[in-house]
Amino acid sequence: MQIALPDEKLAFVASTTENRLEIVEQFRRKEITILVTTTILERGVTFPGVDVFVLEANHRLFSRSALVQISGRVGRSKDRPTGQLLFFHDGTTLAMEKAIREMRDMNKEAGL
């Protein structure tokens, strides 16, 4: 990824990453511009103005509810309440289809 995106500062974090809290704080301070993570940041965190890409979104780990939770990380800023959510996959699943439908319904209800 770093070769393809030379101007970006990339980092990876997982539950086993020893300095994960520092990496997350660096991302929060925008010292890191792209953070690749496992589902450890699926809930309970806010990073204003982010876009989210879900790799292997058709993996069985990603239930409808997990995908909806992950989608809730997008935007989250008064200045940029919306953003991009992209699912990268090699075939859609029922969970993905249901999550997309639910997100569209919620966005419509919110007037987005």
PDB file of N, CA and C in Angstrom:
ATOM      1  N   MET A   1       0.826  -1.195   0.000  1.00  0.00           N
ATOM      2  CA  MET A   1       0.000   0.000   0.000  1.00  0.00           C
ATOM      3  C   MET A   1       0.866   1.254   0.000  1.00  0.00           C
ATOM      4  N   GLN A   2       1.936   1.234   0.763  1.00  0.00           N
ATOM      5  CA  GLN A   2       2.785   2.419   0.857  1.00  0.00           C
ATOM      6  C   GLN A   2       3.376   2.788  -0.498  1.00  0.00           C
ATOM      7  N   ILE A   3       3.702   1.785  -1.304  1.00  0.00           N
ATOM      8  CA  ILE A   3       4.245   2.052  -2.639  1.00  0.00           C
ATOM      9  C   ILE A   3       3.181   2.702  -3.522  1.00  0.00           C
ATOM     10  N   ALA A   4       1.959   2.212  -3.438  1.00  0.00           N
ATOM     11  CA  ALA A   4       0.864   2.753  -4.248  1.00  0.00           C
ATOM     12  C   ALA A   4       0.419   4.133  -3.773  1.00  0.00           C
ATOM     13  N   LEU A   5       0.622   4.422  -2.492  1.00  0.00           N
ATOM     14  CA  LEU A   5       0.185   5.694  -1.903  1.00  0.00           C
ATOM     15  C   LEU A   5       1.360   6.361  -1.184  1.00  0.00           C
ATOM     16  N   PRO A   6       2.371   6.802  -1.934  1.00  0.00           N
ATOM     17  CA  PRO A   6       3.596   7.303  -1.304  1.00  0.00           C
ATOM     18  C   PRO A   6       3.420   8.564  -0.462  1.00  0.00           C
ATOM     19  N   ASP A   7       2.385   9.347  -0.722  1.00  0.00           N
ATOM     20  CA  ASP A   7       2.178  10.580   0.036  1.00  0.00           C
ATOM     21  C   ASP A   7       1.395  10.368   1.327  1.00  0.00           C
ATOM     22  N   GLU A   8       0.945   9.154   1.553  1.00  0.00           N
ATOM     23  CA  GLU A   8       0.153   8.851   2.747  1.00  0.00           C
ATOM     24  C   GLU A   8       1.027   8.244   3.834  1.00  0.00           C
ATOM     25  N   LYS A   9       0.656   8.508   5.071  1.00  0.00           N
ATOM     26  CA  LYS A   9       1.323   7.899   6.231  1.00  0.00           C
ATOM     27  C   LYS A   9       0.424   6.765   6.694  1.00  0.00           C
ATOM     28  N   LEU A  10       0.885   5.520   6.509  1.00  0.00           N
ATOM     29  CA  LEU A  10       0.082   4.333   6.798  1.00  0.00           C
ATOM     30  C   LEU A  10       0.511   3.656   8.088  1.00  0.00           C
ATOM     31  N   ALA A  11      -0.464   3.037   8.748  1.00  0.00           N
ATOM     32  CA  ALA A  11      -0.171   2.221   9.929  1.00  0.00           C
ATOM     33  C   ALA A  11      -1.196   1.102  10.001  1.00  0.00           C
ATOM     34  N   PHE A  12      -0.860   0.065  10.761  1.00  0.00           N
ATOM     35  CA  PHE A  12      -1.739  -1.077  10.972  1.00  0.00           C
ATOM     36  C   PHE A  12      -1.896  -1.281  12.466  1.00  0.00           C
ATOM     37  N   VAL A  13      -3.112  -1.620  12.879  1.00  0.00           N
ATOM     38  CA  VAL A  13      -3.337  -1.893  14.296  1.00  0.00           C
ATOM     39  C   VAL A  13      -4.310  -3.060  14.447  1.00  0.00           C
ATOM     40  N   ALA A  14      -3.997  -3.922  15.406  1.00  0.00           N
ATOM     41  CA  ALA A  14      -4.839  -5.069  15.761  1.00  0.00           C
ATOM     42  C   ALA A  14      -4.819  -5.198  17.277  1.00  0.00           C
ATOM     43  N   SER A  15      -5.622  -6.087  17.795  1.00  0.00           N
ATOM     44  CA  SER A  15      -5.667  -6.262  19.254  1.00  0.00           C
ATOM     45  C   SER A  15      -4.329  -6.722  19.813  1.00  0.00           C
ATOM     46  N   THR A  16      -3.508  -7.330  18.989  1.00  0.00           N
ATOM     47  CA  THR A  16      -2.202  -7.825  19.442  1.00  0.00           C
ATOM     48  C   THR A  16      -1.074  -6.811  19.258  1.00  0.00           C
ATOM     49  N   THR A  17      -1.372  -5.662  18.675  1.00  0.00           N
ATOM     50  CA  THR A  17      -0.360  -4.627  18.471  1.00  0.00           C
ATOM     51  C   THR A  17      -0.034  -3.978  19.808  1.00  0.00           C
ATOM     52  N   GLU A  18       1.221  -4.055  20.210  1.00  0.00           N
ATOM     53  CA  GLU A  18       1.609  -3.565  21.536  1.00  0.00           C
ATOM     54  C   GLU A  18       1.351  -2.074  21.716  1.00  0.00           C
ATOM     55  N   ASN A  19       1.665  -1.262  20.729  1.00  0.00           N
ATOM     56  CA  ASN A  19       1.496   0.185  20.857  1.00  0.00           C
ATOM     57  C   ASN A  19       0.223   0.678  20.170  1.00  0.00           C
ATOM     58  N   ARG A  20      -0.819  -0.144  20.204  1.00  0.00           N
ATOM     59  CA  ARG A  20      -2.050   0.179  19.475  1.00  0.00           C
ATOM     60  C   ARG A  20      -2.689   1.483  19.934  1.00  0.00           C
ATOM     61  N   LEU A  21      -2.643   1.793  21.225  1.00  0.00           N
ATOM     62  CA  LEU A  21      -3.257   3.035  21.700  1.00  0.00           C
ATOM     63  C   LEU A  21      -2.530   4.250  21.137  1.00  0.00           C
ATOM     64  N   GLU A  22      -1.219   4.189  21.072  1.00  0.00           N
ATOM     65  CA  GLU A  22      -0.434   5.286  20.495  1.00  0.00           C
ATOM     66  C   GLU A  22      -0.726   5.440  19.004  1.00  0.00           C
ATOM     67  N   ILE A  23      -0.837   4.329  18.292  1.00  0.00           N
ATOM     68  CA  ILE A  23      -1.147   4.387  16.860  1.00  0.00           C
ATOM     69  C   ILE A  23      -2.519   5.020  16.641  1.00  0.00           C
ATOM     70  N   VAL A  24      -3.488   4.632  17.434  1.00  0.00           N
ATOM     71  CA  VAL A  24      -4.835   5.201  17.316  1.00  0.00           C
ATOM     72  C   VAL A  24      -4.796   6.701  17.606  1.00  0.00           C
ATOM     73  N   GLU A  25      -4.033   7.110  18.602  1.00  0.00           N
ATOM     74  CA  GLU A  25      -3.912   8.540  18.913  1.00  0.00           C
ATOM     75  C   GLU A  25      -3.217   9.295  17.785  1.00  0.00           C
ATOM     76  N   GLN A  26      -2.223   8.696  17.157  1.00  0.00           N
ATOM     77  CA  GLN A  26      -1.564   9.323  16.012  1.00  0.00           C
ATOM     78  C   GLN A  26      -2.553   9.509  14.864  1.00  0.00           C
ATOM     79  N   PHE A  27      -3.418   8.538  14.660  1.00  0.00           N
ATOM     80  CA  PHE A  27      -4.452   8.657  13.633  1.00  0.00           C
ATOM     81  C   PHE A  27      -5.430   9.771  14.004  1.00  0.00           C
ATOM     82  N   ARG A  28      -5.797   9.828  15.259  1.00  0.00           N
ATOM     83  CA  ARG A  28      -6.717  10.868  15.734  1.00  0.00           C
ATOM     84  C   ARG A  28      -6.116  12.267  15.506  1.00  0.00           C
ATOM     85  N   ARG A  29      -4.790  12.383  15.702  1.00  0.00           N
ATOM     86  CA  ARG A  29      -4.087  13.665  15.513  1.00  0.00           C
ATOM     87  C   ARG A  29      -3.725  13.911  14.045  1.00  0.00           C
ATOM     88  N   LYS A  30      -4.122  12.993  13.170  1.00  0.00           N
ATOM     89  CA  LYS A  30      -3.874  13.075  11.726  1.00  0.00           C
ATOM     90  C   LYS A  30      -2.393  12.970  11.369  1.00  0.00           C
ATOM     91  N   GLU A  31      -1.596  12.400  12.271  1.00  0.00           N
ATOM     92  CA  GLU A  31      -0.199  12.103  11.960  1.00  0.00           C
ATOM     93  C   GLU A  31      -0.128  10.858  11.077  1.00  0.00           C
ATOM     94  N   ILE A  32      -1.132  10.028  11.145  1.00  0.00           N
ATOM     95  CA  ILE A  32      -1.315   8.865  10.278  1.00  0.00           C
ATOM     96  C   ILE A  32      -2.548   9.172   9.437  1.00  0.00           C
ATOM     97  N   THR A  33      -2.430   9.007   8.120  1.00  0.00           N
ATOM     98  CA  THR A  33      -3.552   9.357   7.246  1.00  0.00           C
ATOM     99  C   THR A  33      -4.394   8.160   6.830  1.00  0.00           C
ATOM    100  N   ILE A  34      -3.798   6.967   6.855  1.00  0.00           N
ATOM    101  CA  ILE A  34      -4.550   5.747   6.549  1.00  0.00           C
ATOM    102  C   ILE A  34      -4.255   4.731   7.638  1.00  0.00           C
ATOM    103  N   LEU A  35      -5.301   4.272   8.291  1.00  0.00           N
ATOM    104  CA  LEU A  35      -5.155   3.275   9.347  1.00  0.00           C
ATOM    105  C   LEU A  35      -5.845   1.992   8.905  1.00  0.00           C
ATOM    106  N   VAL A  36      -5.068   0.937   8.777  1.00  0.00           N
ATOM    107  CA  VAL A  36      -5.599  -0.385   8.454  1.00  0.00           C
ATOM    108  C   VAL A  36      -5.773  -1.096   9.784  1.00  0.00           C
ATOM    109  N   THR A  37      -6.976  -1.592  10.027  1.00  0.00           N
ATOM    110  CA  THR A  37      -7.265  -2.179  11.332  1.00  0.00           C
ATOM    111  C   THR A  37      -8.138  -3.414  11.207  1.00  0.00           C
ATOM    112  N   THR A  38      -8.133  -4.194  12.245  1.00  0.00           N
ATOM    113  CA  THR A  38      -9.072  -5.302  12.347  1.00  0.00           C
ATOM    114  C   THR A  38     -10.379  -4.717  12.882  1.00  0.00           C
ATOM    115  N   THR A  39     -11.274  -5.545  13.303  1.00  0.00           N
ATOM    116  CA  THR A  39     -12.559  -5.058  13.816  1.00  0.00           C
ATOM    117  C   THR A  39     -12.455  -4.461  15.218  1.00  0.00           C
ATOM    118  N   ILE A  40     -11.249  -4.284  15.755  1.00  0.00           N
ATOM    119  CA  ILE A  40     -11.134  -3.718  17.108  1.00  0.00           C
ATOM    120  C   ILE A  40     -11.671  -2.297  17.188  1.00  0.00           C
ATOM    121  N   LEU A  41     -11.759  -1.598  16.063  1.00  0.00           N
ATOM    122  CA  LEU A  41     -12.294  -0.236  16.065  1.00  0.00           C
ATOM    123  C   LEU A  41     -13.711  -0.179  15.506  1.00  0.00           C
ATOM    124  N   GLU A  42     -14.379  -1.307  15.526  1.00  0.00           N
ATOM    125  CA  GLU A  42     -15.741  -1.411  14.989  1.00  0.00           C
ATOM    126  C   GLU A  42     -16.740  -0.597  15.808  1.00  0.00           C
ATOM    127  N   ARG A  43     -16.532  -0.519  17.109  1.00  0.00           N
ATOM    128  CA  ARG A  43     -17.492   0.139  18.004  1.00  0.00           C
ATOM    129  C   ARG A  43     -16.779   1.080  18.962  1.00  0.00           C
ATOM    130  N   GLY A  44     -17.521   2.100  19.370  1.00  0.00           N
ATOM    131  CA  GLY A  44     -17.079   2.933  20.479  1.00  0.00           C
ATOM    132  C   GLY A  44     -15.987   3.941  20.190  1.00  0.00           C
ATOM    133  N   VAL A  45     -15.684   4.202  18.929  1.00  0.00           N
ATOM    134  CA  VAL A  45     -14.673   5.206  18.608  1.00  0.00           C
ATOM    135  C   VAL A  45     -15.234   6.180  17.584  1.00  0.00           C
ATOM    136  N   THR A  46     -14.753   7.409  17.649  1.00  0.00           N
ATOM    137  CA  THR A  46     -15.147   8.418  16.683  1.00  0.00           C
ATOM    138  C   THR A  46     -13.899   9.084  16.139  1.00  0.00           C
ATOM    139  N   PHE A  47     -13.786   9.080  14.833  1.00  0.00           N
ATOM    140  CA  PHE A  47     -12.735   9.794  14.130  1.00  0.00           C
ATOM    141  C   PHE A  47     -13.451  10.699  13.135  1.00  0.00           C
ATOM    142  N   PRO A  48     -13.569  11.982  13.415  1.00  0.00           N
ATOM    143  CA  PRO A  48     -14.322  12.870  12.528  1.00  0.00           C
ATOM    144  C   PRO A  48     -13.787  12.873  11.102  1.00  0.00           C
ATOM    145  N   GLY A  49     -14.716  12.813  10.154  1.00  0.00           N
ATOM    146  CA  GLY A  49     -14.386  12.977   8.746  1.00  0.00           C
ATOM    147  C   GLY A  49     -13.684  11.826   8.061  1.00  0.00           C
ATOM    148  N   VAL A  50     -13.838  10.606   8.553  1.00  0.00           N
ATOM    149  CA  VAL A  50     -13.134   9.486   7.918  1.00  0.00           C
ATOM    150  C   VAL A  50     -14.004   8.773   6.888  1.00  0.00           C
ATOM    151  N   ASP A  51     -13.319   8.138   5.949  1.00  0.00           N
ATOM    152  CA  ASP A  51     -13.931   7.201   5.022  1.00  0.00           C
ATOM    153  C   ASP A  51     -13.529   5.811   5.496  1.00  0.00           C
ATOM    154  N   VAL A  52     -14.349   4.819   5.181  1.00  0.00           N
ATOM    155  CA  VAL A  52     -14.081   3.455   5.644  1.00  0.00           C
ATOM    156  C   VAL A  52     -14.132   2.493   4.467  1.00  0.00           C
ATOM    157  N   PHE A  53     -13.112   1.656   4.374  1.00  0.00           N
ATOM    158  CA  PHE A  53     -13.055   0.599   3.371  1.00  0.00           C
ATOM    159  C   PHE A  53     -13.000  -0.723   4.113  1.00  0.00           C
ATOM    160  N   VAL A  54     -13.917  -1.618   3.811  1.00  0.00           N
ATOM    161  CA  VAL A  54     -13.952  -2.934   4.451  1.00  0.00           C
ATOM    162  C   VAL A  54     -13.365  -3.943   3.469  1.00  0.00           C
ATOM    163  N   LEU A  55     -12.215  -4.496   3.830  1.00  0.00           N
ATOM    164  CA  LEU A  55     -11.561  -5.491   2.983  1.00  0.00           C
ATOM    165  C   LEU A  55     -12.155  -6.864   3.260  1.00  0.00           C
ATOM    166  N   GLU A  56     -12.362  -7.633   2.206  1.00  0.00           N
ATOM    167  CA  GLU A  56     -12.982  -8.959   2.317  1.00  0.00           C
ATOM    168  C   GLU A  56     -14.325  -8.871   3.051  1.00  0.00           C
ATOM    169  N   ALA A  57     -15.133  -7.924   2.636  1.00  0.00           N
ATOM    170  CA  ALA A  57     -16.422  -7.677   3.290  1.00  0.00           C
ATOM    171  C   ALA A  57     -17.355  -8.879   3.232  1.00  0.00           C
ATOM    172  N   ASN A  58     -17.075  -9.823   2.358  1.00  0.00           N
ATOM    173  CA  ASN A  58     -17.920 -11.019   2.266  1.00  0.00           C
ATOM    174  C   ASN A  58     -17.448 -12.132   3.202  1.00  0.00           C
ATOM    175  N   HIS A  59     -16.445 -11.860   4.028  1.00  0.00           N
ATOM    176  CA  HIS A  59     -15.973 -12.865   4.994  1.00  0.00           C
ATOM    177  C   HIS A  59     -17.072 -13.128   6.021  1.00  0.00           C
ATOM    178  N   ARG A  60     -17.152 -14.356   6.511  1.00  0.00           N
ATOM    179  CA  ARG A  60     -18.219 -14.728   7.460  1.00  0.00           C
ATOM    180  C   ARG A  60     -18.139 -13.932   8.766  1.00  0.00           C
ATOM    181  N   LEU A  61     -16.988 -13.350   9.070  1.00  0.00           N
ATOM    182  CA  LEU A  61     -16.831 -12.506  10.254  1.00  0.00           C
ATOM    183  C   LEU A  61     -17.750 -11.287  10.200  1.00  0.00           C
ATOM    184  N   PHE A  62     -18.035 -10.814   8.983  1.00  0.00           N
ATOM    185  CA  PHE A  62     -18.812  -9.594   8.827  1.00  0.00           C
ATOM    186  C   PHE A  62     -20.306  -9.897   8.703  1.00  0.00           C
ATOM    187  N   SER A  63     -20.974  -9.898   9.835  1.00  0.00           N
ATOM    188  CA  SER A  63     -22.431 -10.061   9.859  1.00  0.00           C
ATOM    189  C   SER A  63     -23.079  -8.741   9.438  1.00  0.00           C
ATOM    190  N   ARG A  64     -24.373  -8.769   9.234  1.00  0.00           N
ATOM    191  CA  ARG A  64     -25.098  -7.540   8.910  1.00  0.00           C
ATOM    192  C   ARG A  64     -24.857  -6.499   9.981  1.00  0.00           C
ATOM    193  N   SER A  65     -25.001  -6.885  11.244  1.00  0.00           N
ATOM    194  CA  SER A  65     -24.853  -5.916  12.333  1.00  0.00           C
ATOM    195  C   SER A  65     -23.426  -5.377  12.420  1.00  0.00           C
ATOM    196  N   ALA A  66     -22.434  -6.217  12.172  1.00  0.00           N
ATOM    197  CA  ALA A  66     -21.041  -5.748  12.194  1.00  0.00           C
ATOM    198  C   ALA A  66     -20.805  -4.733  11.079  1.00  0.00           C
ATOM    199  N   LEU A  67     -21.321  -5.015   9.890  1.00  0.00           N
ATOM    200  CA  LEU A  67     -21.144  -4.091   8.772  1.00  0.00           C
ATOM    201  C   LEU A  67     -21.855  -2.764   9.028  1.00  0.00           C
ATOM    202  N   VAL A  68     -23.022  -2.812   9.643  1.00  0.00           N
ATOM    203  CA  VAL A  68     -23.739  -1.580   9.980  1.00  0.00           C
ATOM    204  C   VAL A  68     -22.952  -0.796  11.029  1.00  0.00           C
ATOM    205  N   GLN A  69     -22.431  -1.477  12.045  1.00  0.00           N
ATOM    206  CA  GLN A  69     -21.605  -0.816  13.063  1.00  0.00           C
ATOM    207  C   GLN A  69     -20.394  -0.148  12.426  1.00  0.00           C
ATOM    208  N   ILE A  70     -19.717  -0.868  11.561  1.00  0.00           N
ATOM    209  CA  ILE A  70     -18.536  -0.322  10.892  1.00  0.00           C
ATOM    210  C   ILE A  70     -18.921   0.892  10.060  1.00  0.00           C
ATOM    211  N   SER A  71     -20.050   0.826   9.383  1.00  0.00           N
ATOM    212  CA  SER A  71     -20.491   1.955   8.559  1.00  0.00           C
ATOM    213  C   SER A  71     -20.737   3.198   9.403  1.00  0.00           C
ATOM    214  N   GLY A  72     -21.056   2.997  10.665  1.00  0.00           N
ATOM    215  CA  GLY A  72     -21.289   4.122  11.564  1.00  0.00           C
ATOM    216  C   GLY A  72     -20.048   4.924  11.884  1.00  0.00           C
ATOM    217  N   ARG A  73     -18.882   4.447  11.478  1.00  0.00           N
ATOM    218  CA  ARG A  73     -17.630   5.189  11.692  1.00  0.00           C
ATOM    219  C   ARG A  73     -17.435   6.259  10.629  1.00  0.00           C
ATOM    220  N   VAL A  74     -18.188   6.211   9.545  1.00  0.00           N
ATOM    221  CA  VAL A  74     -18.006   7.114   8.409  1.00  0.00           C
ATOM    222  C   VAL A  74     -18.524   8.511   8.736  1.00  0.00           C
ATOM    223  N   GLY A  75     -17.770   9.520   8.295  1.00  0.00           N
ATOM    224  CA  GLY A  75     -18.198  10.903   8.481  1.00  0.00           C
ATOM    225  C   GLY A  75     -18.008  11.363   9.912  1.00  0.00           C
ATOM    226  N   ARG A  76     -19.071  11.353  10.678  1.00  0.00           N
ATOM    227  CA  ARG A  76     -19.084  11.659  12.113  1.00  0.00           C
ATOM    228  C   ARG A  76     -18.488  13.019  12.454  1.00  0.00           C
ATOM    229  N   SER A  77     -18.802  13.995  11.633  1.00  0.00           N
ATOM    230  CA  SER A  77     -18.300  15.341  11.865  1.00  0.00           C
ATOM    231  C   SER A  77     -19.359  16.342  11.428  1.00  0.00           C
ATOM    232  N   LYS A  78     -19.476  17.427  12.167  1.00  0.00           N
ATOM    233  CA  LYS A  78     -20.423  18.473  11.787  1.00  0.00           C
ATOM    234  C   LYS A  78     -20.056  19.033  10.409  1.00  0.00           C
ATOM    235  N   ASP A  79     -18.761  19.176  10.168  1.00  0.00           N
ATOM    236  CA  ASP A  79     -18.294  19.714   8.893  1.00  0.00           C
ATOM    237  C   ASP A  79     -18.362  18.696   7.757  1.00  0.00           C
ATOM    238  N   ARG A  80     -18.321  17.429   8.102  1.00  0.00           N
ATOM    239  CA  ARG A  80     -18.372  16.355   7.091  1.00  0.00           C
ATOM    240  C   ARG A  80     -19.150  15.174   7.667  1.00  0.00           C
ATOM    241  N   PRO A  81     -20.478  15.291   7.734  1.00  0.00           N
ATOM    242  CA  PRO A  81     -21.284  14.242   8.360  1.00  0.00           C
ATOM    243  C   PRO A  81     -21.391  12.966   7.534  1.00  0.00           C
ATOM    244  N   THR A  82     -21.050  13.055   6.261  1.00  0.00           N
ATOM    245  CA  THR A  82     -21.100  11.870   5.407  1.00  0.00           C
ATOM    246  C   THR A  82     -19.697  11.567   4.895  1.00  0.00           C
ATOM    247  N   GLY A  83     -19.548  10.454   4.276  1.00  0.00           N
ATOM    248  CA  GLY A  83     -18.257  10.061   3.712  1.00  0.00           C
ATOM    249  C   GLY A  83     -18.457   8.836   2.852  1.00  0.00           C
ATOM    250  N   GLN A  84     -17.367   8.199   2.515  1.00  0.00           N
ATOM    251  CA  GLN A  84     -17.440   7.014   1.668  1.00  0.00           C
ATOM    252  C   GLN A  84     -17.300   5.745   2.493  1.00  0.00           C
ATOM    253  N   LEU A  85     -18.127   4.788   2.162  1.00  0.00           N
ATOM    254  CA  LEU A  85     -18.029   3.440   2.707  1.00  0.00           C
ATOM    255  C   LEU A  85     -17.934   2.506   1.506  1.00  0.00           C
ATOM    256  N   LEU A  86     -16.842   1.771   1.419  1.00  0.00           N
ATOM    257  CA  LEU A  86     -16.655   0.842   0.308  1.00  0.00           C
ATOM    258  C   LEU A  86     -16.437  -0.560   0.842  1.00  0.00           C
ATOM    259  N   PHE A  87     -17.142  -1.505   0.267  1.00  0.00           N
ATOM    260  CA  PHE A  87     -16.954  -2.917   0.586  1.00  0.00           C
ATOM    261  C   PHE A  87     -16.136  -3.540  -0.548  1.00  0.00           C
ATOM    262  N   PHE A  88     -14.970  -4.051  -0.229  1.00  0.00           N
ATOM    263  CA  PHE A  88     -14.168  -4.794  -1.195  1.00  0.00           C
ATOM    264  C   PHE A  88     -14.437  -6.272  -0.973  1.00  0.00           C
ATOM    265  N   HIS A  89     -14.786  -6.984  -2.038  1.00  0.00           N
ATOM    266  CA  HIS A  89     -15.191  -8.388  -1.896  1.00  0.00           C
ATOM    267  C   HIS A  89     -15.085  -9.095  -3.235  1.00  0.00           C
ATOM    268  N   ASP A  90     -15.214 -10.404  -3.194  1.00  0.00           N
ATOM    269  CA  ASP A  90     -15.232 -11.171  -4.440  1.00  0.00           C
ATOM    270  C   ASP A  90     -16.570 -11.882  -4.621  1.00  0.00           C
ATOM    271  N   GLY A  91     -17.608 -11.289  -4.055  1.00  0.00           N
ATOM    272  CA  GLY A  91     -18.965 -11.822  -4.160  1.00  0.00           C
ATOM    273  C   GLY A  91     -19.796 -11.339  -2.988  1.00  0.00           C
ATOM    274  N   THR A  92     -20.990 -10.851  -3.272  1.00  0.00           N
ATOM    275  CA  THR A  92     -21.812 -10.316  -2.188  1.00  0.00           C
ATOM    276  C   THR A  92     -22.421 -11.430  -1.351  1.00  0.00           C
ATOM    277  N   THR A  93     -22.716 -11.078  -0.110  1.00  0.00           N
ATOM    278  CA  THR A  93     -23.378 -12.001   0.811  1.00  0.00           C
ATOM    279  C   THR A  93     -24.724 -11.410   1.204  1.00  0.00           C
ATOM    280  N   LEU A  94     -25.566 -12.229   1.768  1.00  0.00           N
ATOM    281  CA  LEU A  94     -26.850 -11.753   2.272  1.00  0.00           C
ATOM    282  C   LEU A  94     -26.627 -10.697   3.351  1.00  0.00           C
ATOM    283  N   ALA A  95     -25.618 -10.885   4.193  1.00  0.00           N
ATOM    284  CA  ALA A  95     -25.308  -9.909   5.248  1.00  0.00           C
ATOM    285  C   ALA A  95     -24.961  -8.552   4.643  1.00  0.00           C
ATOM    286  N   MET A  96     -24.183  -8.555   3.578  1.00  0.00           N
ATOM    287  CA  MET A  96     -23.828  -7.299   2.914  1.00  0.00           C
ATOM    288  C   MET A  96     -25.063  -6.625   2.330  1.00  0.00           C
ATOM    289  N   GLU A  97     -25.896  -7.394   1.656  1.00  0.00           N
ATOM    290  CA  GLU A  97     -27.097  -6.834   1.042  1.00  0.00           C
ATOM    291  C   GLU A  97     -28.026  -6.239   2.092  1.00  0.00           C
ATOM    292  N   LYS A  98     -28.210  -6.953   3.206  1.00  0.00           N
ATOM    293  CA  LYS A  98     -29.074  -6.450   4.279  1.00  0.00           C
ATOM    294  C   LYS A  98     -28.482  -5.200   4.921  1.00  0.00           C
ATOM    295  N   ALA A  99     -27.172  -5.187   5.114  1.00  0.00           N
ATOM    296  CA  ALA A  99     -26.512  -4.027   5.715  1.00  0.00           C
ATOM    297  C   ALA A  99     -26.660  -2.805   4.815  1.00  0.00           C
ATOM    298  N   ILE A 100     -26.452  -2.986   3.530  1.00  0.00           N
ATOM    299  CA  ILE A 100     -26.584  -1.873   2.583  1.00  0.00           C
ATOM    300  C   ILE A 100     -28.008  -1.336   2.595  1.00  0.00           C
ATOM    301  N   ARG A 101     -28.981  -2.237   2.581  1.00  0.00           N
ATOM    302  CA  ARG A 101     -30.383  -1.825   2.618  1.00  0.00           C
ATOM    303  C   ARG A 101     -30.678  -1.035   3.897  1.00  0.00           C
ATOM    304  N   GLU A 102     -30.193  -1.539   5.028  1.00  0.00           N
ATOM    305  CA  GLU A 102     -30.434  -0.866   6.305  1.00  0.00           C
ATOM    306  C   GLU A 102     -29.771   0.512   6.336  1.00  0.00           C
ATOM    307  N   MET A 103     -28.556   0.612   5.830  1.00  0.00           N
ATOM    308  CA  MET A 103     -27.854   1.904   5.819  1.00  0.00           C
ATOM    309  C   MET A 103     -28.559   2.900   4.909  1.00  0.00           C
ATOM    310  N   ARG A 104     -29.023   2.439   3.761  1.00  0.00           N
ATOM    311  CA  ARG A 104     -29.764   3.331   2.855  1.00  0.00           C
ATOM    312  C   ARG A 104     -31.036   3.830   3.526  1.00  0.00           C
ATOM    313  N   ASP A 105     -31.748   2.935   4.202  1.00  0.00           N
ATOM    314  CA  ASP A 105     -32.972   3.329   4.903  1.00  0.00           C
ATOM    315  C   ASP A 105     -32.673   4.351   5.995  1.00  0.00           C
ATOM    316  N   MET A 106     -31.610   4.114   6.771  1.00  0.00           N
ATOM    317  CA  MET A 106     -31.252   5.049   7.846  1.00  0.00           C
ATOM    318  C   MET A 106     -30.843   6.406   7.278  1.00  0.00           C
ATOM    319  N   ASN A 107     -30.073   6.409   6.186  1.00  0.00           N
ATOM    320  CA  ASN A 107     -29.662   7.669   5.567  1.00  0.00           C
ATOM    321  C   ASN A 107     -30.859   8.422   5.002  1.00  0.00           C
ATOM    322  N   LYS A 108     -31.796   7.693   4.416  1.00  0.00           N
ATOM    323  CA  LYS A 108     -33.004   8.322   3.876  1.00  0.00           C
ATOM    324  C   LYS A 108     -33.809   8.951   5.004  1.00  0.00           C
ATOM    325  N   GLU A 109     -33.946   8.218   6.108  1.00  0.00           N
ATOM    326  CA  GLU A 109     -34.677   8.732   7.266  1.00  0.00           C
ATOM    327  C   GLU A 109     -34.004   9.979   7.837  1.00  0.00           C
ATOM    328  N   ALA A 110     -32.679  10.020   7.764  1.00  0.00           N
ATOM    329  CA  ALA A 110     -31.921  11.165   8.278  1.00  0.00           C
ATOM    330  C   ALA A 110     -31.880  12.324   7.280  1.00  0.00           C
ATOM    331  N   GLY A 111     -32.436  12.106   6.096  1.00  0.00           N
ATOM    332  CA  GLY A 111     -32.458  13.158   5.087  1.00  0.00           C
ATOM    333  C   GLY A 111     -31.155  13.299   4.321  1.00  0.00           C
ATOM    334  N   LEU A 112     -30.375  12.246   4.294  1.00  0.00           N
ATOM    335  CA  LEU A 112     -29.089  12.294   3.569  1.00  0.00           C
ATOM    336  C   LEU A 112     -29.222  11.691   2.186  1.00  0.00           C
TER     337      LEU A 112
END
